[in-house]
């Protein structure tokens, strides 16, 4: 069990602890710092979305269909179902000659409370457009149309689209496709189990374009996807979401994407680093405090920026009357703190 923990504190006393595992890597795969088990295998879930977008962009899909940067960002994101997200997905589908009936991502209420309430007031039910993965699914359909593959069954493992998804994950992480375990994600498509170290290396490659496969267009595709996410952070998640808040607060210096079960991946273009962090019990409440404190200690997030992210960095715990009775904070043991300080000093 990792010694690193996010503490839930009430009345000055630790009530709960969330343990985590972490890997920080270069594009070549050098492990710069870690804690817990950096070789821990975990499903990449939605944090794989920016990588899964690369085949479409590298093949010229953005130019062919006229996709905008904010449409690319929603394809790489897990949106909260707000109006700009829904309209972007609708636009993507129109450009490829399809409609929402072709989506197979499933339906859920928008994660944006305001968007959900607006739907309820209007008397409309949520559709597949509101699913947080509808952008990814629209991108997969676009790849099928571009390549001349059937759109029917695009979510199935034996479909050319999902075979391409497995191939790009293998290529960017350096893990052979035949040894990558797969399962079905919440939105119905394939998800891939790889190590945190491989994820960190992949995000270092995504953020810099370095060490990517030599196939035509890959480096340019990584740059285009990364830039779309960094310049349109709202399209990657949404109002009040950690991913959007972190990219916006840092002025586009970071490429950030979260995944289910307490996973988050970050690419640092200026430093050519990638990191992957997984909360062992899958708790989402521990992700913000852990990743922001980690980035602050690395100097990738300034104290001022961390202050602007206080609701994520050190969120307060309030009782039913609104009184502050505790907080959630990351607590790093000395070996990791020293390793992070050495990395920062090495710059």
Protein backbone atom coordinates (compact mmCIF):
# COMPACT_ATOMS: atom_id res chain seq x y z
CA UNK A 1 0.00 0.00 0.00
CA UNK A 2 1.27 3.47 -0.90
CA UNK A 3 2.46 5.68 1.96
CA UNK A 4 1.22 8.71 0.08
CA UNK A 5 -2.24 9.74 1.11
CA UNK A 6 -4.91 12.36 0.77
CA UNK A 7 -6.22 13.05 4.24
CA UNK A 8 -9.81 13.89 5.07
CA UNK A 9 -9.53 16.01 8.20
CA UNK A 10 -12.34 16.87 10.61
CA UNK A 11 -11.74 18.94 13.74
CA UNK A 12 -7.98 18.74 13.16
CA UNK A 13 -8.06 14.91 13.19
CA UNK A 14 -7.64 12.54 10.24
CA UNK A 15 -10.93 10.78 9.60
CA UNK A 16 -10.11 9.02 6.32
CA UNK A 17 -7.11 8.41 4.06
CA UNK A 18 -6.95 7.83 0.31
CA UNK A 19 -3.76 6.13 -0.90
CA UNK A 20 -2.39 6.61 -4.39
CA UNK A 21 0.14 5.41 -6.93
CA UNK A 22 2.04 7.74 -9.24
CA UNK A 23 4.48 7.77 -12.15
CA UNK A 24 6.30 10.73 -13.73
CA UNK A 25 8.08 9.92 -17.00
CA UNK A 26 9.90 11.36 -20.00
CA UNK A 27 8.85 10.59 -23.59
CA UNK A 28 11.56 7.91 -23.73
CA UNK A 29 10.07 6.18 -20.67
CA UNK A 30 12.61 7.24 -18.04
CA UNK A 31 10.91 7.12 -14.65
CA UNK A 32 11.69 10.42 -12.94
CA UNK A 33 9.68 9.97 -9.75
CA UNK A 34 7.09 7.58 -8.41
CA UNK A 35 5.24 6.38 -5.37
CA UNK A 36 3.11 3.41 -4.58
CA UNK A 37 3.34 1.12 -7.59
CA UNK A 38 4.16 2.93 -10.87
CA UNK A 39 3.79 -0.38 -12.70
CA UNK A 40 0.24 -0.78 -11.40
CA UNK A 41 -2.07 -1.92 -14.18
CA UNK A 42 -5.31 -0.01 -14.42
CA UNK A 43 -7.87 0.71 -17.09
CA UNK A 44 -7.06 3.93 -18.94
CA UNK A 45 -10.77 4.75 -19.24
CA UNK A 46 -11.48 8.31 -20.46
CA UNK A 47 -7.90 9.47 -19.92
CA UNK A 48 -7.10 7.61 -23.16
CA UNK A 49 -9.38 9.86 -25.25
CA UNK A 50 -6.72 12.33 -26.49
CA UNK A 51 -4.56 9.43 -27.68
CA UNK A 52 -7.55 7.73 -29.31
CA UNK A 53 -8.16 10.89 -31.36
CA UNK A 54 -4.71 10.76 -33.00
CA UNK A 55 -5.57 8.33 -35.86
CA UNK A 56 -8.37 10.58 -37.11
CA UNK A 57 -6.23 13.73 -37.04
CA UNK A 58 -3.10 12.05 -38.42
CA UNK A 59 -5.10 10.70 -41.36
CA UNK A 60 -6.23 14.22 -42.30
CA UNK A 61 -9.72 13.94 -40.86
CA UNK A 62 -9.72 17.43 -39.37
CA UNK A 63 -9.00 19.01 -42.76
CA UNK A 64 -11.26 16.64 -44.69
CA UNK A 65 -14.32 17.36 -42.55
CA UNK A 66 -13.39 20.91 -41.50
CA UNK A 67 -13.32 20.23 -37.78
CA UNK A 68 -12.56 23.22 -35.58
CA UNK A 69 -10.22 23.26 -32.60
CA UNK A 70 -13.12 23.36 -30.14
CA UNK A 71 -14.67 20.33 -31.88
CA UNK A 72 -11.36 18.45 -31.56
CA UNK A 73 -11.30 19.38 -27.87
CA UNK A 74 -14.75 17.90 -27.24
CA UNK A 75 -13.69 14.74 -29.10
CA UNK A 76 -10.77 14.41 -26.67
CA UNK A 77 -12.88 15.26 -23.64
CA UNK A 78 -15.51 14.04 -21.22
CA UNK A 79 -17.96 16.90 -21.43
CA UNK A 80 -20.59 17.88 -18.90
CA UNK A 81 -23.51 18.19 -21.32
CA UNK A 82 -23.64 21.97 -21.51
CA UNK A 83 -25.03 23.72 -24.59
CA UNK A 84 -21.62 24.35 -26.27
CA UNK A 85 -20.75 20.66 -25.87
CA UNK A 86 -24.02 19.39 -27.33
CA UNK A 87 -23.83 21.85 -30.23
CA UNK A 88 -20.23 20.84 -30.99
CA UNK A 89 -21.13 17.15 -31.15
CA UNK A 90 -24.12 17.95 -33.37
CA UNK A 91 -21.83 19.92 -35.66
CA UNK A 92 -19.33 17.05 -35.88
CA UNK A 93 -22.09 14.63 -36.83
CA UNK A 94 -23.48 16.99 -39.49
CA UNK A 95 -20.04 17.37 -41.05
CA UNK A 96 -19.67 13.59 -41.43
CA UNK A 97 -23.20 13.15 -42.76
CA UNK A 98 -24.63 11.35 -39.72
CA UNK A 99 -26.90 12.22 -36.79
CA UNK A 100 -27.28 11.33 -33.13
CA UNK A 101 -29.11 8.11 -33.98
CA UNK A 102 -25.75 6.69 -35.06
CA UNK A 103 -24.23 7.22 -31.60
CA UNK A 104 -23.98 4.17 -29.36
CA UNK A 105 -22.60 5.83 -26.22
CA UNK A 106 -25.76 5.54 -24.14
CA UNK A 107 -27.74 8.22 -22.33
CA UNK A 108 -27.28 9.86 -18.95
CA UNK A 109 -28.30 13.13 -17.34
CA UNK A 110 -25.76 15.92 -17.97
CA UNK A 111 -23.15 16.09 -15.24
CA UNK A 112 -23.60 19.87 -15.33
CA UNK A 113 -26.27 20.61 -12.75
CA UNK A 114 -27.30 23.77 -14.61
CA UNK A 115 -27.63 21.87 -17.91
CA UNK A 116 -29.62 19.09 -16.22
CA UNK A 117 -31.96 21.61 -14.60
CA UNK A 118 -32.46 23.43 -17.91
CA UNK A 119 -33.40 20.16 -19.58
CA UNK A 120 -35.88 19.40 -16.81
CA UNK A 121 -37.44 22.88 -17.03
CA UNK A 122 -37.87 22.49 -20.78
CA UNK A 123 -39.54 19.11 -20.37
CA UNK A 124 -36.94 17.44 -22.59
CA UNK A 125 -35.23 14.17 -21.78
CA UNK A 126 -31.46 13.80 -22.11
CA UNK A 127 -30.21 12.21 -25.33
CA UNK A 128 -27.03 10.48 -26.41
CA UNK A 129 -25.65 13.95 -27.23
CA UNK A 130 -25.58 14.67 -23.48
CA UNK A 131 -23.46 11.60 -22.71
CA UNK A 132 -20.01 12.74 -21.61
CA UNK A 133 -18.45 10.41 -24.20
CA UNK A 134 -20.50 11.57 -27.20
CA UNK A 135 -17.56 13.58 -28.54
CA UNK A 136 -15.32 10.50 -28.55
CA UNK A 137 -18.03 8.45 -30.22
CA UNK A 138 -18.55 11.13 -32.88
CA UNK A 139 -14.79 11.02 -33.53
CA UNK A 140 -14.91 7.24 -33.93
CA UNK A 141 -17.76 7.56 -36.40
CA UNK A 142 -15.76 10.21 -38.27
CA UNK A 143 -12.82 7.81 -38.51
CA UNK A 144 -15.11 5.10 -39.90
CA UNK A 145 -16.53 7.47 -42.52
CA UNK A 146 -13.05 8.76 -43.46
CA UNK A 147 -11.69 5.25 -43.90
CA UNK A 148 -14.76 3.89 -45.68
CA UNK A 149 -15.54 1.44 -42.89
CA UNK A 150 -19.12 0.57 -41.88
CA UNK A 151 -20.51 2.73 -39.10
CA UNK A 152 -22.68 -0.08 -37.80
CA UNK A 153 -21.08 -1.96 -34.94
CA UNK A 154 -18.29 0.60 -34.49
CA UNK A 155 -18.23 -0.03 -30.72
CA UNK A 156 -17.43 -3.73 -31.07
CA UNK A 157 -13.88 -5.03 -30.49
CA UNK A 158 -13.73 -6.74 -33.88
CA UNK A 159 -14.68 -3.55 -35.76
CA UNK A 160 -11.86 -1.77 -37.62
CA UNK A 161 -12.40 1.36 -35.49
CA UNK A 162 -11.75 -0.47 -32.23
CA UNK A 163 -8.82 -2.35 -33.75
CA UNK A 164 -7.39 1.06 -34.65
CA UNK A 165 -7.96 2.22 -31.07
CA UNK A 166 -6.01 -0.74 -29.74
CA UNK A 167 -3.24 -0.11 -32.28
CA UNK A 168 -2.82 3.56 -31.34
CA UNK A 169 -2.77 2.79 -27.61
CA UNK A 170 -0.07 0.19 -28.24
CA UNK A 171 1.94 2.52 -30.48
CA UNK A 172 1.88 5.53 -28.14
CA UNK A 173 2.51 3.59 -24.92
CA UNK A 174 5.00 1.13 -26.39
CA UNK A 175 3.05 -1.81 -24.94
CA UNK A 176 2.48 -4.64 -27.46
CA UNK A 177 -1.18 -4.85 -28.46
CA UNK A 178 -1.33 -8.58 -27.82
CA UNK A 179 -0.58 -8.16 -24.11
CA UNK A 180 -2.98 -5.27 -23.39
CA UNK A 181 -6.05 -6.53 -21.46
CA UNK A 182 -9.32 -5.04 -22.65
CA UNK A 183 -12.81 -4.64 -21.23
CA UNK A 184 -15.97 -2.66 -21.99
CA UNK A 185 -16.07 0.96 -20.82
CA UNK A 186 -19.10 2.75 -19.42
CA UNK A 187 -19.97 4.14 -22.86
CA UNK A 188 -19.84 0.75 -24.54
CA UNK A 189 -16.50 0.88 -26.38
CA UNK A 190 -13.26 -0.86 -25.52
CA UNK A 191 -11.06 0.30 -22.65
CA UNK A 192 -7.44 -0.72 -22.19
CA UNK A 193 -5.48 -1.82 -19.11
CA UNK A 194 -1.89 -0.52 -19.00
CA UNK A 195 0.55 0.61 -16.33
CA UNK A 196 0.65 4.09 -14.83
CA UNK A 197 4.21 4.33 -16.11
CA UNK A 198 3.04 3.67 -19.67
CA UNK A 199 0.30 6.26 -19.28
CA UNK A 200 2.79 8.87 -18.02
CA UNK A 201 5.11 8.17 -20.93
CA UNK A 202 2.20 8.47 -23.36
CA UNK A 203 1.23 11.90 -21.99
CA UNK A 204 4.83 13.08 -22.21
CA UNK A 205 4.73 12.03 -25.88
CA UNK A 206 1.31 13.60 -26.45
CA UNK A 207 2.45 16.91 -24.92
CA UNK A 208 5.69 17.13 -26.92
CA UNK A 209 5.33 14.95 -30.00
CA UNK A 210 8.62 13.31 -29.06
CA UNK A 211 9.23 9.55 -29.42
CA UNK A 212 5.97 9.02 -31.30
CA UNK A 213 5.76 6.47 -34.14
CA UNK A 214 7.36 7.73 -37.34
CA UNK A 215 4.18 7.29 -39.36
CA UNK A 216 3.23 10.44 -41.32
CA UNK A 217 1.27 13.02 -39.39
CA UNK A 218 1.61 11.61 -35.88
CA UNK A 219 3.73 14.39 -34.41
CA UNK A 220 1.52 17.04 -36.03
CA UNK A 221 -1.60 15.27 -34.78
CA UNK A 222 -0.30 15.22 -31.21
CA UNK A 223 0.46 18.94 -31.40
CA UNK A 224 -2.97 19.71 -32.81
CA UNK A 225 -4.88 17.65 -30.23
CA UNK A 226 -2.77 19.01 -27.37
CA UNK A 227 -3.24 22.61 -28.51
CA UNK A 228 -6.99 22.15 -28.96
CA UNK A 229 -7.30 20.89 -25.39
CA UNK A 230 -5.09 23.62 -23.93
CA UNK A 231 -6.81 26.47 -25.79
CA UNK A 232 -10.37 25.19 -25.30
CA UNK A 233 -10.34 23.68 -21.79
CA UNK A 234 -14.08 24.19 -21.32
CA UNK A 235 -14.77 21.78 -24.16
CA UNK A 236 -12.67 19.05 -22.50
CA UNK A 237 -14.82 18.92 -19.36
CA UNK A 238 -17.00 21.88 -18.42
CA UNK A 239 -17.93 24.57 -15.93
CA UNK A 240 -16.60 23.83 -12.43
CA UNK A 241 -14.79 20.65 -13.52
CA UNK A 242 -11.26 19.87 -12.29
CA UNK A 243 -9.75 19.27 -15.75
CA UNK A 244 -11.13 22.51 -17.18
CA UNK A 245 -10.25 24.52 -14.06
CA UNK A 246 -6.66 23.23 -13.96
CA UNK A 247 -5.93 23.89 -17.64
CA UNK A 248 -7.60 27.31 -17.52
CA UNK A 249 -5.82 28.40 -14.33
CA UNK A 250 -2.41 27.53 -15.78
CA UNK A 251 -2.93 29.38 -19.03
CA UNK A 252 -2.74 26.33 -21.26
CA UNK A 253 0.65 25.13 -19.98
CA UNK A 254 -0.74 21.68 -19.17
CA UNK A 255 -2.57 18.93 -21.06
CA UNK A 256 -4.94 17.30 -18.56
CA UNK A 257 -7.46 14.48 -18.85
CA UNK A 258 -9.11 12.49 -16.10
CA UNK A 259 -10.55 8.99 -16.16
CA UNK A 260 -12.97 7.05 -14.02
CA UNK A 261 -11.96 5.40 -10.74
CA UNK A 262 -9.67 8.17 -9.47
CA UNK A 263 -7.33 8.42 -12.48
CA UNK A 264 -5.78 11.57 -13.94
CA UNK A 265 -3.03 12.09 -16.52
CA UNK A 266 -1.10 15.31 -17.19
CA UNK A 267 1.32 16.31 -19.93
CA UNK A 268 3.80 19.13 -19.30
CA UNK A 269 4.95 20.37 -22.73
CA UNK A 270 7.56 22.83 -21.46
CA UNK A 271 9.31 20.15 -19.39
CA UNK A 272 8.68 17.16 -21.63
CA UNK A 273 7.19 15.23 -18.72
CA UNK A 274 4.05 13.20 -18.32
CA UNK A 275 2.43 11.97 -15.14
CA UNK A 276 -0.27 9.50 -14.25
CA UNK A 277 -1.88 9.35 -10.83
CA UNK A 278 -4.38 6.81 -9.55
CA UNK A 279 -6.30 6.97 -6.28
CA UNK A 280 -6.27 3.37 -5.11
CA UNK A 281 -9.85 3.26 -3.84
CA UNK A 282 -11.16 5.02 -6.95
CA UNK A 283 -12.36 8.09 -5.05
CA UNK A 284 -12.75 11.21 -7.17
CA UNK A 285 -12.64 13.57 -4.17
CA UNK A 286 -8.95 12.82 -3.63
CA UNK A 287 -7.81 13.52 -7.20
CA UNK A 288 -7.80 17.34 -7.09
CA UNK A 289 -5.86 17.71 -3.83
CA UNK A 290 -3.29 15.13 -4.96
CA UNK A 291 -2.62 16.34 -8.49
CA UNK A 292 -2.59 20.06 -7.68
CA UNK A 293 -0.23 19.63 -4.73
CA UNK A 294 2.00 17.42 -6.87
CA UNK A 295 2.13 20.02 -9.65
CA UNK A 296 2.69 22.81 -7.13
CA UNK A 297 5.72 21.02 -5.68
CA UNK A 298 7.08 20.52 -9.18
CA UNK A 299 6.68 24.22 -9.88
CA UNK A 300 4.25 23.50 -12.72
CA UNK A 301 1.48 25.27 -10.78
CA UNK A 302 2.40 28.46 -8.94
CA UNK A 303 1.26 29.21 -5.41
CA UNK A 304 -1.01 31.90 -6.83
CA UNK A 305 -2.54 29.44 -9.30
CA UNK A 306 -2.97 26.86 -6.56
CA UNK A 307 -4.75 29.53 -4.53
CA UNK A 308 -7.18 30.13 -7.38
CA UNK A 309 -7.83 26.38 -7.38
CA UNK A 310 -8.42 26.20 -3.63
CA UNK A 311 -11.79 24.48 -4.03
CA UNK A 312 -9.93 21.60 -5.68
CA UNK A 313 -6.54 21.85 -3.94
CA UNK A 314 -7.74 21.98 -0.31
CA UNK A 315 -11.54 21.69 -0.45
CA UNK A 316 -13.41 22.58 2.70
CA UNK A 317 -15.80 20.21 4.42
CA UNK A 318 -18.97 21.91 5.60
CA UNK A 319 -21.78 20.64 7.77
CA UNK A 320 -25.46 21.00 6.95
CA UNK A 321 -25.61 24.54 8.32
CA UNK A 322 -22.68 25.65 6.14
CA UNK A 323 -20.05 25.75 8.88
CA UNK A 324 -16.51 24.71 7.86
CA UNK A 325 -15.65 21.65 9.93
CA UNK A 326 -12.69 20.19 8.05
CA UNK A 327 -10.79 19.90 4.79
CA UNK A 328 -9.23 17.48 2.32
CA UNK A 329 -5.49 17.79 1.71
CA UNK A 330 -2.63 15.86 0.13
CA UNK A 331 0.10 14.62 2.48
CA UNK A 332 3.35 13.54 0.80
CA UNK A 333 5.99 11.52 2.66
CA UNK A 334 9.56 12.78 2.72
CA UNK A 335 10.99 10.46 0.00
CA UNK A 336 8.48 11.68 -2.58
CA UNK A 337 8.70 15.29 -1.43
CA UNK A 338 12.49 15.13 -1.82
CA UNK A 339 12.22 13.56 -5.28
CA UNK A 340 9.84 16.29 -6.42
CA UNK A 341 12.14 18.98 -5.01
CA UNK A 342 15.10 17.48 -6.91
CA UNK A 343 13.13 17.48 -10.14
CA UNK A 344 12.14 21.10 -9.62
CA UNK A 345 15.69 22.12 -8.74
CA UNK A 346 17.02 20.30 -11.79
CA UNK A 347 15.21 22.72 -14.04
